[in-house]
Amino acid sequence: MSGYLVDTNVFSETQKPAPNAAVVAWLRDHEAELYTSAVVIGEIAWGIDRLANGKKRRELVQWLHTKVIPRMEGRILRFDTRVALSWGELQARLEASGRLLPWRDSVIAATALRHGLAVATRNERDYKYARLDLVNPFTQ
């Protein structure tokens, strides 16, 4: 498999009042190569669920359920046994170097490594020591 695992911050950028044009263009130009992790979907849902009830929350719930999830149907990668094994290897390597990642980021990294994907993210430093390919759509 080749392509990009889209991180939470890339999807979230599209919902800002004035989204970064480079990110919007990058997502459009790479549509057929995009994947994401179930963890990313969970992070988006978590962020939405933390908002107070109101118009913005309703709009974001609708966006997640009518845009993001359908757009990524069949390309939302789960945390399965193979990813779990990759995660264990990654965590052991990072621990030995004294550079553990937060759990969610390490699962996203392990998912990308297992599936041969680059991570598309603004937070390059979060994945710096995971030894995976990174793409920053904010600067493309």
N, C-alpha and C. Protein backbone atom coordinates (compact mmCIF):
# COMPACT_ATOMS: atom_id res chain seq x y z
N MET A 1 0.85 -1.17 0.00
CA MET A 1 0.00 0.00 0.00
C MET A 1 0.90 1.23 0.00
N SER A 2 0.52 2.23 -0.72
CA SER A 2 1.23 3.51 -0.64
C SER A 2 0.19 4.61 -0.57
N GLY A 3 0.57 5.69 0.04
CA GLY A 3 -0.34 6.80 0.21
C GLY A 3 -0.03 7.53 1.50
N TYR A 4 -1.05 8.17 2.04
CA TYR A 4 -0.89 9.03 3.20
C TYR A 4 -1.93 8.71 4.26
N LEU A 5 -1.49 8.64 5.50
CA LEU A 5 -2.40 8.52 6.63
C LEU A 5 -2.61 9.94 7.16
N VAL A 6 -3.83 10.44 7.00
CA VAL A 6 -4.14 11.82 7.36
C VAL A 6 -4.35 11.93 8.87
N ASP A 7 -3.60 12.83 9.49
CA ASP A 7 -3.68 13.07 10.93
C ASP A 7 -4.83 14.04 11.23
N THR A 8 -5.22 14.07 12.48
CA THR A 8 -6.35 14.86 12.95
C THR A 8 -6.25 16.33 12.55
N ASN A 9 -5.08 16.92 12.72
CA ASN A 9 -4.94 18.36 12.47
C ASN A 9 -5.16 18.73 11.01
N VAL A 10 -4.94 17.81 10.10
CA VAL A 10 -5.17 18.10 8.68
C VAL A 10 -6.67 18.14 8.39
N PHE A 11 -7.41 17.14 8.87
CA PHE A 11 -8.86 17.18 8.71
C PHE A 11 -9.46 18.40 9.39
N SER A 12 -9.01 18.67 10.61
CA SER A 12 -9.58 19.77 11.40
C SER A 12 -9.36 21.12 10.73
N GLU A 13 -8.26 21.27 10.04
CA GLU A 13 -7.97 22.54 9.36
C GLU A 13 -9.08 22.93 8.41
N THR A 14 -9.71 21.96 7.77
CA THR A 14 -10.74 22.26 6.78
C THR A 14 -11.99 22.88 7.39
N GLN A 15 -12.13 22.81 8.71
CA GLN A 15 -13.31 23.35 9.37
C GLN A 15 -13.07 24.72 10.01
N LYS A 16 -11.91 25.28 9.82
CA LYS A 16 -11.63 26.62 10.33
C LYS A 16 -12.34 27.65 9.45
N PRO A 17 -12.64 28.82 10.01
CA PRO A 17 -13.32 29.86 9.21
C PRO A 17 -12.55 30.22 7.94
N ALA A 18 -11.22 30.24 8.02
CA ALA A 18 -10.38 30.51 6.84
C ALA A 18 -9.32 29.41 6.77
N PRO A 19 -9.69 28.24 6.23
CA PRO A 19 -8.73 27.12 6.20
C PRO A 19 -7.53 27.43 5.32
N ASN A 20 -6.42 26.84 5.68
CA ASN A 20 -5.19 26.98 4.91
C ASN A 20 -5.43 26.43 3.50
N ALA A 21 -5.25 27.29 2.50
CA ALA A 21 -5.52 26.90 1.11
C ALA A 21 -4.62 25.75 0.65
N ALA A 22 -3.40 25.70 1.15
CA ALA A 22 -2.49 24.62 0.76
C ALA A 22 -3.01 23.28 1.24
N VAL A 23 -3.59 23.24 2.44
CA VAL A 23 -4.14 21.99 2.98
C VAL A 23 -5.34 21.55 2.17
N VAL A 24 -6.24 22.47 1.89
CA VAL A 24 -7.44 22.14 1.10
C VAL A 24 -7.03 21.60 -0.27
N ALA A 25 -6.08 22.25 -0.91
CA ALA A 25 -5.61 21.81 -2.23
C ALA A 25 -4.92 20.45 -2.13
N TRP A 26 -4.11 20.27 -1.11
CA TRP A 26 -3.39 19.00 -0.94
C TRP A 26 -4.38 17.84 -0.77
N LEU A 27 -5.39 18.02 0.06
CA LEU A 27 -6.40 16.97 0.25
C LEU A 27 -7.11 16.66 -1.06
N ARG A 28 -7.46 17.68 -1.80
CA ARG A 28 -8.14 17.49 -3.09
C ARG A 28 -7.22 16.76 -4.08
N ASP A 29 -5.98 17.18 -4.15
CA ASP A 29 -5.05 16.62 -5.14
C ASP A 29 -4.62 15.18 -4.83
N HIS A 30 -4.74 14.76 -3.57
CA HIS A 30 -4.30 13.42 -3.17
C HIS A 30 -5.45 12.52 -2.74
N GLU A 31 -6.66 12.88 -3.07
CA GLU A 31 -7.87 12.17 -2.61
C GLU A 31 -7.74 10.65 -2.71
N ALA A 32 -7.29 10.16 -3.84
CA ALA A 32 -7.24 8.70 -4.07
C ALA A 32 -6.17 8.00 -3.23
N GLU A 33 -5.27 8.77 -2.64
CA GLU A 33 -4.16 8.19 -1.88
C GLU A 33 -4.32 8.35 -0.37
N LEU A 34 -5.48 8.83 0.06
CA LEU A 34 -5.68 9.16 1.47
C LEU A 34 -6.28 8.01 2.27
N TYR A 35 -5.71 7.81 3.45
CA TYR A 35 -6.21 6.86 4.44
C TYR A 35 -6.21 7.60 5.77
N THR A 36 -6.85 7.04 6.75
CA THR A 36 -6.74 7.56 8.11
C THR A 36 -6.85 6.40 9.08
N SER A 37 -6.69 6.71 10.33
CA SER A 37 -6.75 5.71 11.39
C SER A 37 -8.05 5.87 12.16
N ALA A 38 -8.55 4.76 12.68
CA ALA A 38 -9.72 4.83 13.56
C ALA A 38 -9.41 5.73 14.75
N VAL A 39 -8.15 5.80 15.16
CA VAL A 39 -7.76 6.68 16.26
C VAL A 39 -7.98 8.15 15.88
N VAL A 40 -7.70 8.52 14.64
CA VAL A 40 -7.94 9.89 14.18
C VAL A 40 -9.44 10.20 14.23
N ILE A 41 -10.26 9.27 13.78
CA ILE A 41 -11.72 9.47 13.85
C ILE A 41 -12.12 9.67 15.31
N GLY A 42 -11.55 8.88 16.20
CA GLY A 42 -11.82 9.03 17.63
C GLY A 42 -11.36 10.37 18.18
N GLU A 43 -10.20 10.84 17.75
CA GLU A 43 -9.72 12.15 18.21
C GLU A 43 -10.64 13.27 17.75
N ILE A 44 -11.12 13.17 16.51
CA ILE A 44 -12.05 14.18 16.01
C ILE A 44 -13.34 14.15 16.83
N ALA A 45 -13.89 12.95 17.05
CA ALA A 45 -15.12 12.82 17.84
C ALA A 45 -14.92 13.35 19.25
N TRP A 46 -13.79 13.06 19.84
CA TRP A 46 -13.47 13.54 21.19
C TRP A 46 -13.47 15.07 21.23
N GLY A 47 -12.80 15.68 20.25
CA GLY A 47 -12.76 17.14 20.19
C GLY A 47 -14.14 17.74 20.06
N ILE A 48 -14.97 17.14 19.23
CA ILE A 48 -16.34 17.62 19.05
C ILE A 48 -17.14 17.45 20.33
N ASP A 49 -17.04 16.28 20.93
CA ASP A 49 -17.83 15.99 22.13
C ASP A 49 -17.43 16.84 23.33
N ARG A 50 -16.28 17.44 23.28
CA ARG A 50 -15.84 18.34 24.36
C ARG A 50 -16.47 19.72 24.24
N LEU A 51 -17.03 20.04 23.08
CA LEU A 51 -17.66 21.35 22.88
C LEU A 51 -19.00 21.41 23.59
N ALA A 52 -19.37 22.61 23.99
CA ALA A 52 -20.70 22.82 24.56
C ALA A 52 -21.75 22.58 23.48
N ASN A 53 -22.93 22.14 23.90
CA ASN A 53 -24.02 21.97 22.94
C ASN A 53 -24.28 23.31 22.27
N GLY A 54 -24.45 23.27 20.97
CA GLY A 54 -24.69 24.50 20.24
C GLY A 54 -24.51 24.27 18.75
N LYS A 55 -24.61 25.37 18.01
CA LYS A 55 -24.55 25.31 16.55
C LYS A 55 -23.22 24.73 16.05
N LYS A 56 -22.10 25.19 16.59
CA LYS A 56 -20.79 24.72 16.12
C LYS A 56 -20.64 23.22 16.33
N ARG A 57 -21.05 22.75 17.49
CA ARG A 57 -20.97 21.31 17.77
C ARG A 57 -21.83 20.53 16.79
N ARG A 58 -23.06 20.97 16.56
CA ARG A 58 -23.95 20.28 15.62
C ARG A 58 -23.36 20.26 14.22
N GLU A 59 -22.77 21.38 13.79
CA GLU A 59 -22.16 21.45 12.46
C GLU A 59 -20.99 20.46 12.34
N LEU A 60 -20.18 20.38 13.39
CA LEU A 60 -19.03 19.47 13.35
C LEU A 60 -19.45 18.01 13.42
N VAL A 61 -20.49 17.70 14.18
CA VAL A 61 -21.01 16.33 14.20
C VAL A 61 -21.48 15.95 12.81
N GLN A 62 -22.21 16.87 12.17
CA GLN A 62 -22.69 16.61 10.81
C GLN A 62 -21.52 16.44 9.85
N TRP A 63 -20.52 17.30 9.94
CA TRP A 63 -19.33 17.21 9.09
C TRP A 63 -18.65 15.85 9.25
N LEU A 64 -18.46 15.41 10.50
CA LEU A 64 -17.80 14.13 10.74
C LEU A 64 -18.60 12.98 10.13
N HIS A 65 -19.91 12.98 10.35
CA HIS A 65 -20.74 11.84 9.94
C HIS A 65 -21.18 11.88 8.47
N THR A 66 -21.19 13.06 7.86
CA THR A 66 -21.64 13.13 6.46
C THR A 66 -20.52 13.45 5.48
N LYS A 67 -19.38 13.89 5.98
CA LYS A 67 -18.26 14.22 5.09
C LYS A 67 -17.04 13.33 5.34
N VAL A 68 -16.50 13.39 6.54
CA VAL A 68 -15.23 12.70 6.81
C VAL A 68 -15.39 11.18 6.73
N ILE A 69 -16.30 10.63 7.50
CA ILE A 69 -16.44 9.17 7.54
C ILE A 69 -16.85 8.62 6.17
N PRO A 70 -17.86 9.18 5.49
CA PRO A 70 -18.18 8.65 4.16
C PRO A 70 -17.03 8.83 3.15
N ARG A 71 -16.35 9.98 3.21
CA ARG A 71 -15.23 10.24 2.29
C ARG A 71 -14.14 9.19 2.46
N MET A 72 -13.93 8.75 3.69
CA MET A 72 -12.84 7.83 3.98
C MET A 72 -13.31 6.37 4.06
N GLU A 73 -14.56 6.11 3.70
CA GLU A 73 -15.10 4.75 3.79
C GLU A 73 -14.18 3.75 3.09
N GLY A 74 -13.87 2.68 3.79
CA GLY A 74 -12.97 1.66 3.26
C GLY A 74 -11.51 2.01 3.41
N ARG A 75 -11.22 3.21 3.93
CA ARG A 75 -9.84 3.66 4.09
C ARG A 75 -9.56 4.14 5.52
N ILE A 76 -10.43 3.72 6.45
CA ILE A 76 -10.19 3.99 7.87
C ILE A 76 -9.55 2.73 8.44
N LEU A 77 -8.29 2.83 8.77
CA LEU A 77 -7.50 1.67 9.19
C LEU A 77 -7.66 1.44 10.68
N ARG A 78 -7.92 0.18 11.04
CA ARG A 78 -8.19 -0.14 12.44
C ARG A 78 -6.94 -0.60 13.17
N PHE A 79 -7.08 -0.61 14.48
CA PHE A 79 -6.03 -1.14 15.35
C PHE A 79 -6.27 -2.63 15.47
N ASP A 80 -5.59 -3.40 14.62
CA ASP A 80 -5.77 -4.85 14.61
C ASP A 80 -4.49 -5.51 15.14
N THR A 81 -4.43 -6.81 15.06
CA THR A 81 -3.29 -7.54 15.60
C THR A 81 -1.98 -7.13 14.93
N ARG A 82 -2.01 -6.95 13.61
CA ARG A 82 -0.77 -6.58 12.91
C ARG A 82 -0.29 -5.18 13.31
N VAL A 83 -1.24 -4.25 13.45
CA VAL A 83 -0.86 -2.91 13.91
C VAL A 83 -0.37 -2.98 15.35
N ALA A 84 -1.02 -3.81 16.17
CA ALA A 84 -0.60 -3.96 17.57
C ALA A 84 0.85 -4.46 17.65
N LEU A 85 1.21 -5.39 16.79
CA LEU A 85 2.59 -5.89 16.78
C LEU A 85 3.56 -4.79 16.33
N SER A 86 3.17 -4.02 15.32
CA SER A 86 4.00 -2.89 14.88
C SER A 86 4.14 -1.87 15.99
N TRP A 87 3.04 -1.63 16.71
CA TRP A 87 3.06 -0.69 17.82
C TRP A 87 4.04 -1.15 18.90
N GLY A 88 4.00 -2.43 19.24
CA GLY A 88 4.91 -2.96 20.25
C GLY A 88 6.36 -2.78 19.85
N GLU A 89 6.68 -3.07 18.60
CA GLU A 89 8.05 -2.89 18.10
C GLU A 89 8.46 -1.42 18.15
N LEU A 90 7.55 -0.54 17.71
CA LEU A 90 7.83 0.89 17.71
C LEU A 90 8.05 1.40 19.13
N GLN A 91 7.17 1.03 20.05
CA GLN A 91 7.30 1.50 21.43
C GLN A 91 8.60 1.02 22.06
N ALA A 92 8.98 -0.23 21.80
CA ALA A 92 10.23 -0.76 22.35
C ALA A 92 11.42 0.03 21.82
N ARG A 93 11.41 0.31 20.52
CA ARG A 93 12.50 1.08 19.91
C ARG A 93 12.55 2.49 20.47
N LEU A 94 11.38 3.14 20.57
CA LEU A 94 11.34 4.50 21.10
C LEU A 94 11.73 4.55 22.58
N GLU A 95 11.28 3.57 23.34
CA GLU A 95 11.62 3.51 24.76
C GLU A 95 13.13 3.36 24.95
N ALA A 96 13.74 2.52 24.13
CA ALA A 96 15.19 2.30 24.22
C ALA A 96 15.96 3.59 23.93
N SER A 97 15.37 4.46 23.11
CA SER A 97 16.03 5.73 22.79
C SER A 97 15.60 6.86 23.73
N GLY A 98 14.69 6.55 24.67
CA GLY A 98 14.22 7.55 25.62
C GLY A 98 13.26 8.55 25.02
N ARG A 99 12.55 8.15 23.96
CA ARG A 99 11.67 9.08 23.24
C ARG A 99 10.29 8.50 22.98
N LEU A 100 9.60 8.10 24.01
CA LEU A 100 8.25 7.55 23.83
C LEU A 100 7.29 8.60 23.31
N LEU A 101 6.36 8.15 22.48
CA LEU A 101 5.28 9.02 21.97
C LEU A 101 4.05 8.85 22.84
N PRO A 102 3.18 9.85 22.88
CA PRO A 102 1.88 9.65 23.52
C PRO A 102 1.15 8.49 22.83
N TRP A 103 0.29 7.80 23.56
CA TRP A 103 -0.36 6.60 23.05
C TRP A 103 -1.03 6.82 21.70
N ARG A 104 -1.85 7.83 21.56
CA ARG A 104 -2.58 8.03 20.30
C ARG A 104 -1.61 8.24 19.13
N ASP A 105 -0.61 9.08 19.33
CA ASP A 105 0.36 9.32 18.26
C ASP A 105 1.13 8.06 17.91
N SER A 106 1.47 7.26 18.91
CA SER A 106 2.22 6.04 18.63
C SER A 106 1.37 5.02 17.87
N VAL A 107 0.07 4.98 18.14
CA VAL A 107 -0.82 4.07 17.38
C VAL A 107 -0.96 4.56 15.94
N ILE A 108 -1.09 5.87 15.76
CA ILE A 108 -1.17 6.42 14.41
C ILE A 108 0.12 6.10 13.65
N ALA A 109 1.27 6.29 14.30
CA ALA A 109 2.56 5.99 13.66
C ALA A 109 2.66 4.51 13.32
N ALA A 110 2.28 3.64 14.24
CA ALA A 110 2.35 2.19 14.00
C ALA A 110 1.43 1.78 12.86
N THR A 111 0.27 2.41 12.78
CA THR A 111 -0.67 2.13 11.68
C THR A 111 -0.04 2.51 10.35
N ALA A 112 0.57 3.68 10.29
CA ALA A 112 1.23 4.12 9.06
C ALA A 112 2.38 3.19 8.70
N LEU A 113 3.20 2.83 9.67
CA LEU A 113 4.32 1.93 9.40
C LEU A 113 3.83 0.58 8.89
N ARG A 114 2.82 0.02 9.53
CA ARG A 114 2.30 -1.30 9.14
C ARG A 114 1.76 -1.30 7.72
N HIS A 115 1.15 -0.19 7.32
CA HIS A 115 0.51 -0.13 6.00
C HIS A 115 1.38 0.57 4.95
N GLY A 116 2.59 0.94 5.30
CA GLY A 116 3.49 1.57 4.34
C GLY A 116 3.05 2.94 3.89
N LEU A 117 2.50 3.72 4.82
CA LEU A 117 1.99 5.05 4.51
C LEU A 117 2.84 6.13 5.15
N ALA A 118 2.88 7.29 4.52
CA ALA A 118 3.45 8.47 5.14
C ALA A 118 2.36 9.11 6.00
N VAL A 119 2.74 9.77 7.07
CA VAL A 119 1.77 10.49 7.89
C VAL A 119 1.70 11.93 7.39
N ALA A 120 0.49 12.37 7.07
CA ALA A 120 0.25 13.76 6.67
C ALA A 120 -0.17 14.52 7.91
N THR A 121 0.69 15.43 8.37
CA THR A 121 0.46 16.12 9.63
C THR A 121 1.16 17.46 9.66
N ARG A 122 0.65 18.34 10.48
CA ARG A 122 1.35 19.59 10.76
C ARG A 122 2.37 19.37 11.89
N ASN A 123 2.11 18.38 12.71
CA ASN A 123 2.91 18.12 13.91
C ASN A 123 4.07 17.18 13.62
N GLU A 124 4.97 17.61 12.78
CA GLU A 124 6.09 16.76 12.39
C GLU A 124 6.94 16.35 13.59
N ARG A 125 7.09 17.24 14.56
CA ARG A 125 7.93 16.90 15.72
C ARG A 125 7.34 15.76 16.53
N ASP A 126 5.99 15.59 16.48
CA ASP A 126 5.36 14.49 17.22
C ASP A 126 5.85 13.13 16.74
N TYR A 127 6.20 13.05 15.47
CA TYR A 127 6.56 11.77 14.86
C TYR A 127 8.05 11.67 14.51
N LYS A 128 8.81 12.66 14.89
CA LYS A 128 10.20 12.79 14.48
C LYS A 128 11.02 11.51 14.70
N TYR A 129 10.84 10.84 15.81
CA TYR A 129 11.68 9.69 16.14
C TYR A 129 11.06 8.35 15.77
N ALA A 130 9.91 8.38 15.12
CA ALA A 130 9.23 7.13 14.75
C ALA A 130 9.80 6.50 13.48
N ARG A 131 10.68 7.20 12.80
CA ARG A 131 11.30 6.70 11.57
C ARG A 131 10.26 6.33 10.52
N LEU A 132 9.39 7.27 10.24
CA LEU A 132 8.43 7.06 9.16
C LEU A 132 8.43 8.29 8.27
N ASP A 133 7.86 8.14 7.09
CA ASP A 133 7.80 9.26 6.17
C ASP A 133 6.72 10.22 6.62
N LEU A 134 7.04 11.51 6.54
CA LEU A 134 6.10 12.56 6.93
C LEU A 134 5.89 13.52 5.77
N VAL A 135 4.67 14.04 5.69
CA VAL A 135 4.34 15.08 4.72
C VAL A 135 3.58 16.15 5.49
N ASN A 136 3.96 17.40 5.28
CA ASN A 136 3.26 18.50 5.93
C ASN A 136 2.44 19.25 4.88
N PRO A 137 1.12 18.97 4.78
CA PRO A 137 0.29 19.63 3.78
C PRO A 137 0.21 21.15 3.97
N PHE A 138 0.56 21.63 5.14
CA PHE A 138 0.51 23.07 5.41
C PHE A 138 1.63 23.80 4.69
N THR A 139 2.66 23.08 4.29
CA THR A 139 3.80 23.71 3.62
C THR A 139 4.01 23.17 2.21
N GLN A 140 3.11 22.37 1.71
CA GLN A 140 3.25 21.78 0.37
C GLN A 140 2.83 22.76 -0.71
